[in-house]
Amino acid sequence: MGFIKTIDDYIQLGKEKGFEYVLHTIPKNTHKSSYQGWKCSKGYLFNSCYKSIKKGTKCAVCSGKSKKTLSDYKKHAISKNLKYIFNYIPKSVKEMDGNTPKVIYHRMHTTHCTAVANAV
């Protein structure tokens, strides 16, 4: 059985791992971790329990594991000189190419609809 962790333990662990513990209390049922109590060096808030942080859990946004939004797909398309042609994320996005979902885009410089697969 482990020791009961104090707020100082959380703050110290955050410093060791490059995070900031931003809550002033320790949430009950911390194993379920429903509170965004950790802040990464880039300012993103994220959920995690003490044990997971100690084992090396990282910020989901910085580690690329956060769920992508429609806005993310549109911005990515623009960065590749493409245009995202849907107003939704198609179910086919769940098909994986390695660890990266594939998405269909429309090339901005063409006059007709040429769909291409492009990794996000």
PDB file of N, CA and C in Angstrom:
ATOM      1  N   MET A   1       0.841  -1.186   0.000  1.00  0.00           N
ATOM      2  CA  MET A   1       0.000   0.000   0.000  1.00  0.00           C
ATOM      3  C   MET A   1       0.883   1.246   0.000  1.00  0.00           C
ATOM      4  N   GLY A   2       0.570   2.196  -0.834  1.00  0.00           N
ATOM      5  CA  GLY A   2       1.380   3.400  -0.962  1.00  0.00           C
ATOM      6  C   GLY A   2       1.044   4.428   0.098  1.00  0.00           C
ATOM      7  N   PHE A   3       1.868   5.435   0.168  1.00  0.00           N
ATOM      8  CA  PHE A   3       1.643   6.524   1.100  1.00  0.00           C
ATOM      9  C   PHE A   3       0.583   7.457   0.541  1.00  0.00           C
ATOM     10  N   ILE A   4      -0.136   8.121   1.427  1.00  0.00           N
ATOM     11  CA  ILE A   4      -1.116   9.114   0.992  1.00  0.00           C
ATOM     12  C   ILE A   4      -0.347  10.339   0.497  1.00  0.00           C
ATOM     13  N   LYS A   5      -0.657  10.771  -0.687  1.00  0.00           N
ATOM     14  CA  LYS A   5       0.041  11.898  -1.309  1.00  0.00           C
ATOM     15  C   LYS A   5      -0.540  13.218  -0.818  1.00  0.00           C
ATOM     16  N   THR A   6       0.325  14.185  -0.651  1.00  0.00           N
ATOM     17  CA  THR A   6      -0.091  15.522  -0.235  1.00  0.00           C
ATOM     18  C   THR A   6      -0.043  16.459  -1.438  1.00  0.00           C
ATOM     19  N   ILE A   7      -0.572  17.639  -1.256  1.00  0.00           N
ATOM     20  CA  ILE A   7      -0.523  18.642  -2.322  1.00  0.00           C
ATOM     21  C   ILE A   7       0.938  18.962  -2.669  1.00  0.00           C
ATOM     22  N   ASP A   8       1.804  18.950  -1.666  1.00  0.00           N
ATOM     23  CA  ASP A   8       3.233  19.198  -1.917  1.00  0.00           C
ATOM     24  C   ASP A   8       3.847  18.104  -2.784  1.00  0.00           C
ATOM     25  N   ASP A   9       3.401  16.852  -2.610  1.00  0.00           N
ATOM     26  CA  ASP A   9       3.879  15.752  -3.458  1.00  0.00           C
ATOM     27  C   ASP A   9       3.497  16.004  -4.917  1.00  0.00           C
ATOM     28  N   TYR A  10       2.258  16.454  -5.135  1.00  0.00           N
ATOM     29  CA  TYR A  10       1.785  16.742  -6.491  1.00  0.00           C
ATOM     30  C   TYR A  10       2.590  17.884  -7.116  1.00  0.00           C
ATOM     31  N   ILE A  11       2.819  18.922  -6.340  1.00  0.00           N
ATOM     32  CA  ILE A  11       3.575  20.073  -6.846  1.00  0.00           C
ATOM     33  C   ILE A  11       5.005  19.660  -7.187  1.00  0.00           C
ATOM     34  N   GLN A  12       5.633  18.877  -6.311  1.00  0.00           N
ATOM     35  CA  GLN A  12       7.006  18.434  -6.542  1.00  0.00           C
ATOM     36  C   GLN A  12       7.096  17.535  -7.777  1.00  0.00           C
ATOM     37  N   LEU A  13       6.152  16.601  -7.922  1.00  0.00           N
ATOM     38  CA  LEU A  13       6.154  15.717  -9.088  1.00  0.00           C
ATOM     39  C   LEU A  13       6.013  16.530 -10.375  1.00  0.00           C
ATOM     40  N   GLY A  14       5.137  17.524 -10.339  1.00  0.00           N
ATOM     41  CA  GLY A  14       4.970  18.395 -11.505  1.00  0.00           C
ATOM     42  C   GLY A  14       6.278  19.056 -11.901  1.00  0.00           C
ATOM     43  N   LYS A  15       6.997  19.573 -10.931  1.00  0.00           N
ATOM     44  CA  LYS A  15       8.293  20.220 -11.207  1.00  0.00           C
ATOM     45  C   LYS A  15       9.281  19.221 -11.798  1.00  0.00           C
ATOM     46  N   GLU A  16       9.313  18.006 -11.250  1.00  0.00           N
ATOM     47  CA  GLU A  16      10.234  16.972 -11.740  1.00  0.00           C
ATOM     48  C   GLU A  16       9.947  16.593 -13.191  1.00  0.00           C
ATOM     49  N   LYS A  17       8.668  16.595 -13.563  1.00  0.00           N
ATOM     50  CA  LYS A  17       8.265  16.148 -14.901  1.00  0.00           C
ATOM     51  C   LYS A  17       8.070  17.294 -15.890  1.00  0.00           C
ATOM     52  N   GLY A  18       8.282  18.533 -15.447  1.00  0.00           N
ATOM     53  CA  GLY A  18       8.134  19.680 -16.344  1.00  0.00           C
ATOM     54  C   GLY A  18       6.706  20.176 -16.465  1.00  0.00           C
ATOM     55  N   PHE A  19       5.863  19.835 -15.494  1.00  0.00           N
ATOM     56  CA  PHE A  19       4.471  20.275 -15.469  1.00  0.00           C
ATOM     57  C   PHE A  19       4.240  21.154 -14.249  1.00  0.00           C
ATOM     58  N   GLU A  20       3.067  21.756 -14.216  1.00  0.00           N
ATOM     59  CA  GLU A  20       2.641  22.502 -13.040  1.00  0.00           C
ATOM     60  C   GLU A  20       1.338  21.882 -12.558  1.00  0.00           C
ATOM     61  N   TYR A  21       1.240  21.598 -11.268  1.00  0.00           N
ATOM     62  CA  TYR A  21      -0.027  21.132 -10.708  1.00  0.00           C
ATOM     63  C   TYR A  21      -0.816  22.375 -10.348  1.00  0.00           C
ATOM     64  N   VAL A  22      -1.970  22.590 -10.974  1.00  0.00           N
ATOM     65  CA  VAL A  22      -2.677  23.867 -10.864  1.00  0.00           C
ATOM     66  C   VAL A  22      -3.848  23.866  -9.884  1.00  0.00           C
ATOM     67  N   LEU A  23      -4.221  22.712  -9.363  1.00  0.00           N
ATOM     68  CA  LEU A  23      -5.309  22.676  -8.388  1.00  0.00           C
ATOM     69  C   LEU A  23      -4.755  22.964  -6.993  1.00  0.00           C
ATOM     70  N   HIS A  24      -5.612  23.443  -6.129  1.00  0.00           N
ATOM     71  CA  HIS A  24      -5.198  23.727  -4.750  1.00  0.00           C
ATOM     72  C   HIS A  24      -5.562  22.587  -3.814  1.00  0.00           C
ATOM     73  N   THR A  25      -6.168  21.556  -4.372  1.00  0.00           N
ATOM     74  CA  THR A  25      -6.549  20.374  -3.597  1.00  0.00           C
ATOM     75  C   THR A  25      -6.236  19.133  -4.417  1.00  0.00           C
ATOM     76  N   ILE A  26      -6.344  17.993  -3.770  1.00  0.00           N
ATOM     77  CA  ILE A  26      -6.205  16.720  -4.473  1.00  0.00           C
ATOM     78  C   ILE A  26      -7.619  16.182  -4.661  1.00  0.00           C
ATOM     79  N   PRO A  27      -8.056  15.955  -5.906  1.00  0.00           N
ATOM     80  CA  PRO A  27      -9.427  15.486  -6.135  1.00  0.00           C
ATOM     81  C   PRO A  27      -9.663  14.104  -5.528  1.00  0.00           C
ATOM     82  N   LYS A  28     -10.888  13.868  -5.078  1.00  0.00           N
ATOM     83  CA  LYS A  28     -11.263  12.525  -4.627  1.00  0.00           C
ATOM     84  C   LYS A  28     -11.302  11.620  -5.846  1.00  0.00           C
ATOM     85  N   ASN A  29     -11.139  10.338  -5.632  1.00  0.00           N
ATOM     86  CA  ASN A  29     -11.142   9.358  -6.727  1.00  0.00           C
ATOM     87  C   ASN A  29     -10.135   9.747  -7.803  1.00  0.00           C
ATOM     88  N   THR A  30      -8.913  10.041  -7.398  1.00  0.00           N
ATOM     89  CA  THR A  30      -7.911  10.506  -8.357  1.00  0.00           C
ATOM     90  C   THR A  30      -7.577   9.466  -9.410  1.00  0.00           C
ATOM     91  N   HIS A  31      -7.897   8.199  -9.159  1.00  0.00           N
ATOM     92  CA  HIS A  31      -7.633   7.182 -10.179  1.00  0.00           C
ATOM     93  C   HIS A  31      -8.530   7.367 -11.393  1.00  0.00           C
ATOM     94  N   LYS A  32      -9.662   8.048 -11.217  1.00  0.00           N
ATOM     95  CA  LYS A  32     -10.553   8.331 -12.348  1.00  0.00           C
ATOM     96  C   LYS A  32     -10.154   9.628 -13.048  1.00  0.00           C
ATOM     97  N   SER A  33      -9.475  10.499 -12.334  1.00  0.00           N
ATOM     98  CA  SER A  33      -8.864  11.695 -12.901  1.00  0.00           C
ATOM     99  C   SER A  33      -9.787  12.505 -13.811  1.00  0.00           C
ATOM    100  N   SER A  34     -10.879  13.017 -13.263  1.00  0.00           N
ATOM    101  CA  SER A  34     -11.805  13.796 -14.078  1.00  0.00           C
ATOM    102  C   SER A  34     -11.512  15.298 -14.015  1.00  0.00           C
ATOM    103  N   TYR A  35     -10.420  15.676 -13.372  1.00  0.00           N
ATOM    104  CA  TYR A  35     -10.074  17.084 -13.235  1.00  0.00           C
ATOM    105  C   TYR A  35      -8.837  17.425 -14.060  1.00  0.00           C
ATOM    106  N   GLN A  36      -8.869  18.563 -14.698  1.00  0.00           N
ATOM    107  CA  GLN A  36      -7.692  19.011 -15.445  1.00  0.00           C
ATOM    108  C   GLN A  36      -6.775  19.721 -14.458  1.00  0.00           C
ATOM    109  N   GLY A  37      -5.931  18.943 -13.801  1.00  0.00           N
ATOM    110  CA  GLY A  37      -5.094  19.489 -12.748  1.00  0.00           C
ATOM    111  C   GLY A  37      -3.649  19.715 -13.127  1.00  0.00           C
ATOM    112  N   TRP A  38      -3.256  19.304 -14.314  1.00  0.00           N
ATOM    113  CA  TRP A  38      -1.865  19.426 -14.743  1.00  0.00           C
ATOM    114  C   TRP A  38      -1.764  20.400 -15.912  1.00  0.00           C
ATOM    115  N   LYS A  39      -0.695  21.185 -15.931  1.00  0.00           N
ATOM    116  CA  LYS A  39      -0.459  22.153 -17.002  1.00  0.00           C
ATOM    117  C   LYS A  39       0.944  21.905 -17.553  1.00  0.00           C
ATOM    118  N   CYS A  40       1.036  21.711 -18.865  1.00  0.00           N
ATOM    119  CA  CYS A  40       2.339  21.450 -19.491  1.00  0.00           C
ATOM    120  C   CYS A  40       3.095  22.760 -19.714  1.00  0.00           C
ATOM    121  N   SER A  41       4.309  22.654 -20.186  1.00  0.00           N
ATOM    122  CA  SER A  41       5.151  23.839 -20.392  1.00  0.00           C
ATOM    123  C   SER A  41       4.621  24.769 -21.491  1.00  0.00           C
ATOM    124  N   LYS A  42       3.737  24.239 -22.365  1.00  0.00           N
ATOM    125  CA  LYS A  42       3.145  25.074 -23.418  1.00  0.00           C
ATOM    126  C   LYS A  42       1.805  25.671 -22.995  1.00  0.00           C
ATOM    127  N   GLY A  43       1.367  25.373 -21.758  1.00  0.00           N
ATOM    128  CA  GLY A  43       0.148  25.972 -21.223  1.00  0.00           C
ATOM    129  C   GLY A  43      -1.116  25.154 -21.373  1.00  0.00           C
ATOM    130  N   TYR A  44      -1.042  23.930 -21.914  1.00  0.00           N
ATOM    131  CA  TYR A  44      -2.229  23.090 -22.060  1.00  0.00           C
ATOM    132  C   TYR A  44      -2.569  22.420 -20.732  1.00  0.00           C
ATOM    133  N   LEU A  45      -3.848  22.425 -20.384  1.00  0.00           N
ATOM    134  CA  LEU A  45      -4.326  21.712 -19.200  1.00  0.00           C
ATOM    135  C   LEU A  45      -4.717  20.305 -19.609  1.00  0.00           C
ATOM    136  N   PHE A  46      -4.423  19.322 -18.758  1.00  0.00           N
ATOM    137  CA  PHE A  46      -4.801  17.950 -19.078  1.00  0.00           C
ATOM    138  C   PHE A  46      -5.067  17.138 -17.822  1.00  0.00           C
ATOM    139  N   ASN A  47      -5.793  16.033 -18.025  1.00  0.00           N
ATOM    140  CA  ASN A  47      -6.159  15.122 -16.942  1.00  0.00           C
ATOM    141  C   ASN A  47      -5.117  14.035 -16.794  1.00  0.00           C
ATOM    142  N   SER A  48      -4.796  13.712 -15.581  1.00  0.00           N
ATOM    143  CA  SER A  48      -3.981  12.538 -15.298  1.00  0.00           C
ATOM    144  C   SER A  48      -3.904  12.361 -13.794  1.00  0.00           C
ATOM    145  N   CYS A  49      -3.749  11.132 -13.364  1.00  0.00           N
ATOM    146  CA  CYS A  49      -3.576  10.889 -11.938  1.00  0.00           C
ATOM    147  C   CYS A  49      -2.086  10.932 -11.598  1.00  0.00           C
ATOM    148  N   TYR A  50      -1.784  11.029 -10.331  1.00  0.00           N
ATOM    149  CA  TYR A  50      -0.408  11.120  -9.840  1.00  0.00           C
ATOM    150  C   TYR A  50       0.436   9.961 -10.356  1.00  0.00           C
ATOM    151  N   LYS A  51      -0.096   8.756 -10.239  1.00  0.00           N
ATOM    152  CA  LYS A  51       0.641   7.550 -10.633  1.00  0.00           C
ATOM    153  C   LYS A  51       1.010   7.580 -12.125  1.00  0.00           C
ATOM    154  N   SER A  52       0.083   8.025 -12.960  1.00  0.00           N
ATOM    155  CA  SER A  52       0.354   8.087 -14.405  1.00  0.00           C
ATOM    156  C   SER A  52       1.423   9.123 -14.737  1.00  0.00           C
ATOM    157  N   ILE A  53       1.369  10.268 -14.075  1.00  0.00           N
ATOM    158  CA  ILE A  53       2.396  11.293 -14.291  1.00  0.00           C
ATOM    159  C   ILE A  53       3.753  10.736 -13.873  1.00  0.00           C
ATOM    160  N   LYS A  54       3.780  10.054 -12.743  1.00  0.00           N
ATOM    161  CA  LYS A  54       5.034   9.465 -12.247  1.00  0.00           C
ATOM    162  C   LYS A  54       5.595   8.449 -13.244  1.00  0.00           C
ATOM    163  N   LYS A  55       4.696   7.712 -13.926  1.00  0.00           N
ATOM    164  CA  LYS A  55       5.118   6.704 -14.908  1.00  0.00           C
ATOM    165  C   LYS A  55       5.490   7.312 -16.261  1.00  0.00           C
ATOM    166  N   GLY A  56       5.233   8.612 -16.445  1.00  0.00           N
ATOM    167  CA  GLY A  56       5.665   9.252 -17.682  1.00  0.00           C
ATOM    168  C   GLY A  56       4.574   9.741 -18.609  1.00  0.00           C
ATOM    169  N   THR A  57       3.318   9.776 -18.160  1.00  0.00           N
ATOM    170  CA  THR A  57       2.244  10.311 -18.997  1.00  0.00           C
ATOM    171  C   THR A  57       2.569  11.751 -19.377  1.00  0.00           C
ATOM    172  N   LYS A  58       2.332  12.084 -20.625  1.00  0.00           N
ATOM    173  CA  LYS A  58       2.614  13.423 -21.155  1.00  0.00           C
ATOM    174  C   LYS A  58       1.307  14.132 -21.499  1.00  0.00           C
ATOM    175  N   CYS A  59       1.407  15.394 -21.810  1.00  0.00           N
ATOM    176  CA  CYS A  59       0.274  16.184 -22.287  1.00  0.00           C
ATOM    177  C   CYS A  59      -0.205  15.585 -23.613  1.00  0.00           C
ATOM    178  N   ALA A  60      -1.509  15.338 -23.731  1.00  0.00           N
ATOM    179  CA  ALA A  60      -2.058  14.714 -24.943  1.00  0.00           C
ATOM    180  C   ALA A  60      -1.861  15.592 -26.178  1.00  0.00           C
ATOM    181  N   VAL A  61      -1.965  16.892 -26.023  1.00  0.00           N
ATOM    182  CA  VAL A  61      -1.799  17.794 -27.169  1.00  0.00           C
ATOM    183  C   VAL A  61      -0.347  17.779 -27.648  1.00  0.00           C
ATOM    184  N   CYS A  62       0.585  17.952 -26.734  1.00  0.00           N
ATOM    185  CA  CYS A  62       2.012  18.007 -27.105  1.00  0.00           C
ATOM    186  C   CYS A  62       2.525  16.673 -27.632  1.00  0.00           C
ATOM    187  N   SER A  63       1.964  15.580 -27.133  1.00  0.00           N
ATOM    188  CA  SER A  63       2.422  14.263 -27.588  1.00  0.00           C
ATOM    189  C   SER A  63       1.675  13.786 -28.829  1.00  0.00           C
ATOM    190  N   GLY A  64       0.728  14.611 -29.335  1.00  0.00           N
ATOM    191  CA  GLY A  64       0.008  14.268 -30.564  1.00  0.00           C
ATOM    192  C   GLY A  64      -1.092  13.244 -30.380  1.00  0.00           C
ATOM    193  N   LYS A  65      -1.526  13.021 -29.148  1.00  0.00           N
ATOM    194  CA  LYS A  65      -2.538  12.002 -28.890  1.00  0.00           C
ATOM    195  C   LYS A  65      -3.937  12.571 -28.680  1.00  0.00           C
ATOM    196  N   SER A  66      -4.079  13.884 -28.752  1.00  0.00           N
ATOM    197  CA  SER A  66      -5.403  14.464 -28.548  1.00  0.00           C
ATOM    198  C   SER A  66      -6.273  14.220 -29.776  1.00  0.00           C
ATOM    199  N   LYS A  67      -7.577  14.142 -29.558  1.00  0.00           N
ATOM    200  CA  LYS A  67      -8.520  13.912 -30.650  1.00  0.00           C
ATOM    201  C   LYS A  67      -8.525  15.132 -31.570  1.00  0.00           C
ATOM    202  N   LYS A  68      -8.420  14.902 -32.858  1.00  0.00           N
ATOM    203  CA  LYS A  68      -8.403  15.986 -33.834  1.00  0.00           C
ATOM    204  C   LYS A  68      -9.820  16.499 -34.091  1.00  0.00           C
ATOM    205  N   THR A  69      -9.938  17.796 -34.299  1.00  0.00           N
ATOM    206  CA  THR A  69     -11.225  18.422 -34.576  1.00  0.00           C
ATOM    207  C   THR A  69     -11.319  18.781 -36.060  1.00  0.00           C
ATOM    208  N   LEU A  70     -12.495  19.169 -36.481  1.00  0.00           N
ATOM    209  CA  LEU A  70     -12.693  19.614 -37.860  1.00  0.00           C
ATOM    210  C   LEU A  70     -11.763  20.792 -38.171  1.00  0.00           C
ATOM    211  N   SER A  71     -11.638  21.689 -37.232  1.00  0.00           N
ATOM    212  CA  SER A  71     -10.741  22.834 -37.407  1.00  0.00           C
ATOM    213  C   SER A  71      -9.292  22.381 -37.605  1.00  0.00           C
ATOM    214  N   ASP A  72      -8.866  21.348 -36.877  1.00  0.00           N
ATOM    215  CA  ASP A  72      -7.508  20.813 -37.042  1.00  0.00           C
ATOM    216  C   ASP A  72      -7.292  20.316 -38.468  1.00  0.00           C
ATOM    217  N   TYR A  73      -8.278  19.601 -39.012  1.00  0.00           N
ATOM    218  CA  TYR A  73      -8.155  19.070 -40.368  1.00  0.00           C
ATOM    219  C   TYR A  73      -8.099  20.192 -41.402  1.00  0.00           C
ATOM    220  N   LYS A  74      -8.919  21.226 -41.204  1.00  0.00           N
ATOM    221  CA  LYS A  74      -8.921  22.350 -42.142  1.00  0.00           C
ATOM    222  C   LYS A  74      -7.593  23.105 -42.107  1.00  0.00           C
ATOM    223  N   LYS A  75      -7.061  23.333 -40.909  1.00  0.00           N
ATOM    224  CA  LYS A  75      -5.770  24.021 -40.782  1.00  0.00           C
ATOM    225  C   LYS A  75      -4.647  23.193 -41.398  1.00  0.00           C
ATOM    226  N   HIS A  76      -4.683  21.893 -41.184  1.00  0.00           N
ATOM    227  CA  HIS A  76      -3.656  21.023 -41.753  1.00  0.00           C
ATOM    228  C   HIS A  76      -3.699  21.067 -43.282  1.00  0.00           C
ATOM    229  N   ALA A  77      -4.910  21.044 -43.834  1.00  0.00           N
ATOM    230  CA  ALA A  77      -5.062  21.092 -45.292  1.00  0.00           C
ATOM    231  C   ALA A  77      -4.455  22.374 -45.851  1.00  0.00           C
ATOM    232  N   ILE A  78      -4.756  23.498 -45.220  1.00  0.00           N
ATOM    233  CA  ILE A  78      -4.222  24.782 -45.677  1.00  0.00           C
ATOM    234  C   ILE A  78      -2.699  24.784 -45.617  1.00  0.00           C
ATOM    235  N   SER A  79      -2.142  24.198 -44.562  1.00  0.00           N
ATOM    236  CA  SER A  79      -0.673  24.169 -44.434  1.00  0.00           C
ATOM    237  C   SER A  79      -0.020  23.346 -45.538  1.00  0.00           C
ATOM    238  N   LYS A  80      -0.792  22.464 -46.190  1.00  0.00           N
ATOM    239  CA  LYS A  80      -0.280  21.629 -47.283  1.00  0.00           C
ATOM    240  C   LYS A  80      -0.753  22.122 -48.645  1.00  0.00           C
ATOM    241  N   ASN A  81      -1.300  23.363 -48.699  1.00  0.00           N
ATOM    242  CA  ASN A  81      -1.857  23.949 -49.914  1.00  0.00           C
ATOM    243  C   ASN A  81      -3.003  23.091 -50.456  1.00  0.00           C
ATOM    244  N   LEU A  82      -3.815  22.603 -49.535  1.00  0.00           N
ATOM    245  CA  LEU A  82      -4.984  21.797 -49.872  1.00  0.00           C
ATOM    246  C   LEU A  82      -6.212  22.431 -49.239  1.00  0.00           C
ATOM    247  N   LYS A  83      -7.371  21.963 -49.632  1.00  0.00           N
ATOM    248  CA  LYS A  83      -8.611  22.421 -49.018  1.00  0.00           C
ATOM    249  C   LYS A  83      -9.370  21.206 -48.513  1.00  0.00           C
ATOM    250  N   TYR A  84      -9.754  21.226 -47.255  1.00  0.00           N
ATOM    251  CA  TYR A  84     -10.559  20.143 -46.704  1.00  0.00           C
ATOM    252  C   TYR A  84     -11.962  20.303 -47.271  1.00  0.00           C
ATOM    253  N   ILE A  85     -12.522  19.270 -47.909  1.00  0.00           N
ATOM    254  CA  ILE A  85     -13.755  19.434 -48.687  1.00  0.00           C
ATOM    255  C   ILE A  85     -15.030  19.052 -47.944  1.00  0.00           C
ATOM    256  N   PHE A  86     -14.927  18.579 -46.717  1.00  0.00           N
ATOM    257  CA  PHE A  86     -16.123  18.196 -45.965  1.00  0.00           C
ATOM    258  C   PHE A  86     -16.371  19.169 -44.819  1.00  0.00           C
ATOM    259  N   ASN A  87     -17.594  19.188 -44.319  1.00  0.00           N
ATOM    260  CA  ASN A  87     -17.930  19.941 -43.113  1.00  0.00           C
ATOM    261  C   ASN A  87     -18.044  19.002 -41.923  1.00  0.00           C
ATOM    262  N   TYR A  88     -17.431  17.852 -42.029  1.00  0.00           N
ATOM    263  CA  TYR A  88     -17.431  16.846 -40.968  1.00  0.00           C
ATOM    264  C   TYR A  88     -16.189  15.982 -41.142  1.00  0.00           C
ATOM    265  N   ILE A  89     -15.913  15.169 -40.157  1.00  0.00           N
ATOM    266  CA  ILE A  89     -14.807  14.215 -40.262  1.00  0.00           C
ATOM    267  C   ILE A  89     -15.426  12.877 -40.638  1.00  0.00           C
ATOM    268  N   PRO A  90     -15.136  12.351 -41.820  1.00  0.00           N
ATOM    269  CA  PRO A  90     -15.776  11.107 -42.262  1.00  0.00           C
ATOM    270  C   PRO A  90     -15.394   9.915 -41.383  1.00  0.00           C
ATOM    271  N   LYS A  91     -16.285   8.936 -41.333  1.00  0.00           N
ATOM    272  CA  LYS A  91     -16.016   7.733 -40.541  1.00  0.00           C
ATOM    273  C   LYS A  91     -14.767   7.016 -41.026  1.00  0.00           C
ATOM    274  N   SER A  92     -14.438   7.151 -42.293  1.00  0.00           N
ATOM    275  CA  SER A  92     -13.257   6.489 -42.847  1.00  0.00           C
ATOM    276  C   SER A  92     -11.965   6.997 -42.225  1.00  0.00           C
ATOM    277  N   VAL A  93     -12.033   8.130 -41.519  1.00  0.00           N
ATOM    278  CA  VAL A  93     -10.862   8.672 -40.848  1.00  0.00           C
ATOM    279  C   VAL A  93     -10.338   7.683 -39.811  1.00  0.00           C
ATOM    280  N   LYS A  94     -11.201   6.813 -39.322  1.00  0.00           N
ATOM    281  CA  LYS A  94     -10.790   5.843 -38.318  1.00  0.00           C
ATOM    282  C   LYS A  94      -9.865   4.782 -38.888  1.00  0.00           C
ATOM    283  N   GLU A  95      -9.782   4.690 -40.213  1.00  0.00           N
ATOM    284  CA  GLU A  95      -8.830   3.771 -40.826  1.00  0.00           C
ATOM    285  C   GLU A  95      -7.444   4.332 -40.593  1.00  0.00           C
ATOM    286  N   MET A  96      -6.580   3.512 -40.055  1.00  0.00           N
ATOM    287  CA  MET A  96      -5.268   3.999 -39.670  1.00  0.00           C
ATOM    288  C   MET A  96      -4.187   3.606 -40.667  1.00  0.00           C
ATOM    289  N   ASP A  97      -3.258   4.486 -40.851  1.00  0.00           N
ATOM    290  CA  ASP A  97      -2.058   4.227 -41.639  1.00  0.00           C
ATOM    291  C   ASP A  97      -0.905   4.358 -40.646  1.00  0.00           C
ATOM    292  N   GLY A  98      -0.490   3.248 -40.066  1.00  0.00           N
ATOM    293  CA  GLY A  98       0.450   3.309 -38.951  1.00  0.00           C
ATOM    294  C   GLY A  98      -0.296   3.870 -37.764  1.00  0.00           C
ATOM    295  N   ASN A  99       0.128   4.980 -37.226  1.00  0.00           N
ATOM    296  CA  ASN A  99      -0.569   5.646 -36.128  1.00  0.00           C
ATOM    297  C   ASN A  99      -1.301   6.891 -36.601  1.00  0.00           C
ATOM    298  N   THR A 100      -1.370   7.105 -37.919  1.00  0.00           N
ATOM    299  CA  THR A 100      -1.905   8.346 -38.446  1.00  0.00           C
ATOM    300  C   THR A 100      -3.173   8.103 -39.255  1.00  0.00           C
ATOM    301  N   PRO A 101      -4.289   8.805 -38.926  1.00  0.00           N
ATOM    302  CA  PRO A 101      -5.503   8.646 -39.725  1.00  0.00           C
ATOM    303  C   PRO A 101      -5.343   9.285 -41.096  1.00  0.00           C
ATOM    304  N   LYS A 102      -6.022   8.722 -42.097  1.00  0.00           N
ATOM    305  CA  LYS A 102      -5.984   9.301 -43.443  1.00  0.00           C
ATOM    306  C   LYS A 102      -7.238  10.143 -43.666  1.00  0.00           C
ATOM    307  N   VAL A 103      -7.083  11.197 -44.399  1.00  0.00           N
ATOM    308  CA  VAL A 103      -8.176  12.123 -44.665  1.00  0.00           C
ATOM    309  C   VAL A 103      -8.173  12.477 -46.143  1.00  0.00           C
ATOM    310  N   ILE A 104      -9.352  12.756 -46.685  1.00  0.00           N
ATOM    311  CA  ILE A 104      -9.462  13.130 -48.095  1.00  0.00           C
ATOM    312  C   ILE A 104      -9.503  14.653 -48.209  1.00  0.00           C
ATOM    313  N   TYR A 105      -8.667  15.193 -49.089  1.00  0.00           N
ATOM    314  CA  TYR A 105      -8.605  16.626 -49.336  1.00  0.00           C
ATOM    315  C   TYR A 105      -8.816  16.911 -50.821  1.00  0.00           C
ATOM    316  N   HIS A 106      -9.068  18.145 -51.130  1.00  0.00           N
ATOM    317  CA  HIS A 106      -9.214  18.603 -52.505  1.00  0.00           C
ATOM    318  C   HIS A 106      -8.090  19.612 -52.754  1.00  0.00           C
ATOM    319  N   ARG A 107      -7.322  19.397 -53.790  1.00  0.00           N
ATOM    320  CA  ARG A 107      -6.208  20.309 -54.087  1.00  0.00           C
ATOM    321  C   ARG A 107      -6.752  21.693 -54.470  1.00  0.00           C
ATOM    322  N   MET A 108      -6.215  22.719 -53.869  1.00  0.00           N
ATOM    323  CA  MET A 108      -6.686  24.083 -54.110  1.00  0.00           C
ATOM    324  C   MET A 108      -6.366  24.572 -55.518  1.00  0.00           C
ATOM    325  N   HIS A 109      -5.277  24.131 -56.102  1.00  0.00           N
ATOM    326  CA  HIS A 109      -4.867  24.692 -57.383  1.00  0.00           C
ATOM    327  C   HIS A 109      -5.519  24.006 -58.585  1.00  0.00           C
ATOM    328  N   THR A 110      -6.341  22.977 -58.388  1.00  0.00           N
ATOM    329  CA  THR A 110      -6.986  22.326 -59.526  1.00  0.00           C
ATOM    330  C   THR A 110      -8.358  22.934 -59.767  1.00  0.00           C
ATOM    331  N   THR A 111      -8.840  22.819 -60.982  1.00  0.00           N
ATOM    332  CA  THR A 111     -10.154  23.361 -61.307  1.00  0.00           C
ATOM    333  C   THR A 111     -11.238  22.302 -61.194  1.00  0.00           C
ATOM    334  N   HIS A 112     -10.846  21.061 -61.050  1.00  0.00           N
ATOM    335  CA  HIS A 112     -11.829  20.002 -60.864  1.00  0.00           C
ATOM    336  C   HIS A 112     -11.546  19.299 -59.535  1.00  0.00           C
ATOM    337  N   CYS A 113     -12.464  18.507 -59.073  1.00  0.00           N
ATOM    338  CA  CYS A 113     -12.327  17.850 -57.773  1.00  0.00           C
ATOM    339  C   CYS A 113     -11.434  16.621 -57.871  1.00  0.00           C
ATOM    340  N   THR A 114     -10.209  16.787 -57.479  1.00  0.00           N
ATOM    341  CA  THR A 114      -9.286  15.666 -57.407  1.00  0.00           C
ATOM    342  C   THR A 114      -9.072  15.352 -55.936  1.00  0.00           C
ATOM    343  N   ALA A 115      -9.526  14.208 -55.516  1.00  0.00           N
ATOM    344  CA  ALA A 115      -9.369  13.833 -54.108  1.00  0.00           C
ATOM    345  C   ALA A 115      -8.040  13.119 -53.925  1.00  0.00           C
ATOM    346  N   VAL A 116      -7.360  13.452 -52.869  1.00  0.00           N
ATOM    347  CA  VAL A 116      -6.096  12.793 -52.550  1.00  0.00           C
ATOM    348  C   VAL A 116      -6.109  12.383 -51.085  1.00  0.00           C
ATOM    349  N   ALA A 117      -5.446  11.296 -50.780  1.00  0.00           N
ATOM    350  CA  ALA A 117      -5.315  10.877 -49.387  1.00  0.00           C
ATOM    351  C   ALA A 117      -4.090  11.564 -48.813  1.00  0.00           C
ATOM    352  N   ASN A 118      -4.246  12.108 -47.641  1.00  0.00           N
ATOM    353  CA  ASN A 118      -3.139  12.819 -47.017  1.00  0.00           C
ATOM    354  C   ASN A 118      -3.182  12.570 -45.520  1.00  0.00           C
ATOM    355  N   ALA A 119      -2.070  12.229 -44.931  1.00  0.00           N
ATOM    356  CA  ALA A 119      -2.020  11.946 -43.496  1.00  0.00           C
ATOM    357  C   ALA A 119      -2.070  13.238 -42.700  1.00  0.00           C
ATOM    358  N   VAL A 120      -2.748  13.181 -41.574  1.00  0.00           N
ATOM    359  CA  VAL A 120      -2.816  14.329 -40.663  1.00  0.00           C
ATOM    360  C   VAL A 120      -1.721  14.201 -39.646  1.00  0.00           C
TER     361      VAL A 120
END
